[in-house]
Protein backbone atom coordinates (compact mmCIF):
# COMPACT_ATOMS: atom_id res chain seq x y z
CA MET A 1 -36.55 9.16 -27.72
CA SER A 2 -34.20 7.38 -29.91
CA ILE A 3 -30.50 7.84 -30.61
CA ASP A 4 -29.22 6.52 -34.10
CA LYS A 5 -25.48 6.24 -35.31
CA ASP A 6 -25.17 9.86 -36.79
CA THR A 7 -26.29 11.32 -33.69
CA VAL A 8 -23.80 9.06 -31.49
CA LYS A 9 -21.02 10.29 -34.25
CA HIS A 10 -22.02 13.90 -33.97
CA ILE A 11 -21.98 13.52 -30.05
CA SER A 12 -18.78 11.79 -29.88
CA LYS A 13 -17.34 14.33 -32.24
CA LEU A 14 -18.51 17.36 -30.30
CA ALA A 15 -16.82 15.32 -26.99
CA ARG A 16 -13.62 15.05 -28.88
CA ILE A 17 -14.03 11.09 -28.15
CA SER A 18 -13.00 8.71 -30.74
CA LEU A 19 -14.98 5.96 -31.26
CA ASP A 20 -14.64 2.52 -33.01
CA GLU A 21 -17.28 1.97 -35.67
CA ASN A 22 -18.05 -1.65 -33.57
CA LYS A 23 -19.21 0.55 -30.64
CA VAL A 24 -21.14 3.03 -32.34
CA GLU A 25 -24.16 0.42 -32.57
CA SER A 26 -23.60 -0.54 -28.95
CA LEU A 27 -23.70 2.92 -27.59
CA SER A 28 -26.42 4.13 -29.99
CA LYS A 29 -28.75 1.14 -27.87
CA ASP A 30 -27.28 2.06 -24.62
CA LEU A 31 -28.17 5.44 -24.83
CA THR A 32 -31.69 5.07 -26.35
CA SER A 33 -32.39 2.61 -23.64
CA ILE A 34 -30.90 5.71 -20.94
CA MET A 35 -32.99 8.24 -22.78
CA LYS A 36 -36.03 5.93 -22.30
CA PHE A 37 -35.50 5.15 -18.36
CA ILE A 38 -35.19 9.18 -18.15
CA GLU A 39 -38.49 10.05 -19.68
CA SER A 40 -40.49 7.01 -17.36
CA LEU A 41 -38.70 9.43 -14.74
CA ASN A 42 -39.81 12.54 -15.94
CA LYS A 43 -43.49 10.92 -16.11
CA LEU A 44 -43.40 10.20 -12.21
CA ASN A 45 -45.75 12.20 -10.21
CA THR A 46 -43.45 14.03 -7.42
CA ASP A 47 -45.41 16.93 -6.36
CA LYS A 48 -46.05 15.25 -2.52
CA THR A 49 -42.25 13.96 -2.10
CA THR A 50 -40.13 16.53 -0.19
CA PRO A 51 -36.68 17.11 -1.42
CA LEU A 52 -33.85 15.18 0.34
CA THR A 53 -30.57 16.97 1.58
CA SER A 54 -29.66 14.08 3.53
CA ILE A 55 -30.50 10.37 3.94
CA ILE A 56 -31.17 10.69 7.78
CA ASN A 57 -33.63 12.79 9.28
CA ALA A 58 -31.55 15.06 11.30
CA SER A 59 -31.03 18.48 11.04
CA LEU A 60 -27.51 20.42 11.03
CA LYS A 61 -26.26 21.71 13.93
CA SER A 62 -24.95 25.67 13.91
CA ARG A 63 -22.24 27.11 15.09
CA LYS A 64 -20.84 30.19 16.17
CA ASP A 65 -18.70 31.61 13.50
CA GLU A 66 -15.74 32.89 14.88
CA VAL A 67 -12.13 33.52 13.69
CA LYS A 68 -9.18 31.61 14.95
CA ASP A 69 -5.64 32.07 14.02
CA GLY A 70 -4.46 28.77 15.63
CA LYS A 71 -1.56 30.91 16.89
CA ILE A 72 1.08 29.15 15.34
CA ARG A 73 2.03 31.69 12.34
CA ASP A 74 5.96 31.59 13.83
CA GLN A 75 5.77 27.61 13.39
CA ILE A 76 4.35 28.17 9.85
CA LEU A 77 6.90 31.04 8.79
CA LYS A 78 9.73 28.88 9.80
CA ASN A 79 9.00 26.61 6.67
CA SER A 80 9.53 30.01 4.30
CA PRO A 81 12.70 30.35 2.35
CA GLU A 82 12.01 33.85 2.58
CA LYS A 83 10.03 35.89 5.00
CA ASN A 84 9.11 39.82 5.96
CA ASP A 85 7.91 39.98 9.47
CA GLU A 86 4.68 38.50 9.41
CA PHE A 87 4.24 37.23 5.56
CA PHE A 88 5.59 35.24 2.91
CA VAL A 89 7.62 36.67 0.13
CA VAL A 90 6.78 35.37 -3.23
CA PRO A 91 8.04 36.30 -6.48
CA LYS A 92 6.75 38.62 -8.60
CA VAL A 93 4.22 37.33 -11.21
CA ILE A 94 3.09 40.10 -12.90
CA GLU A 95 5.76 42.17 -14.85
């Protein structure tokens, strides 16, 4: 797939990116090169390749899902300029 100057200008307009006329030719060549590389990657046979989730061959260890409040509510609330028992008081947003 070849990307010409008009396509580069159209893409820059859609992306709202201003381009110098000097850079349009260079970008056209670069984007064409990138698209050719992508096309070559699409031709690779990956049927026997397993997807990777990590570069190391280890599984994630599961842990028990339990709620911990930290028992520091009073320390947190003392930083609040205004509080109501156990909660922060914030200004009303919707009128």
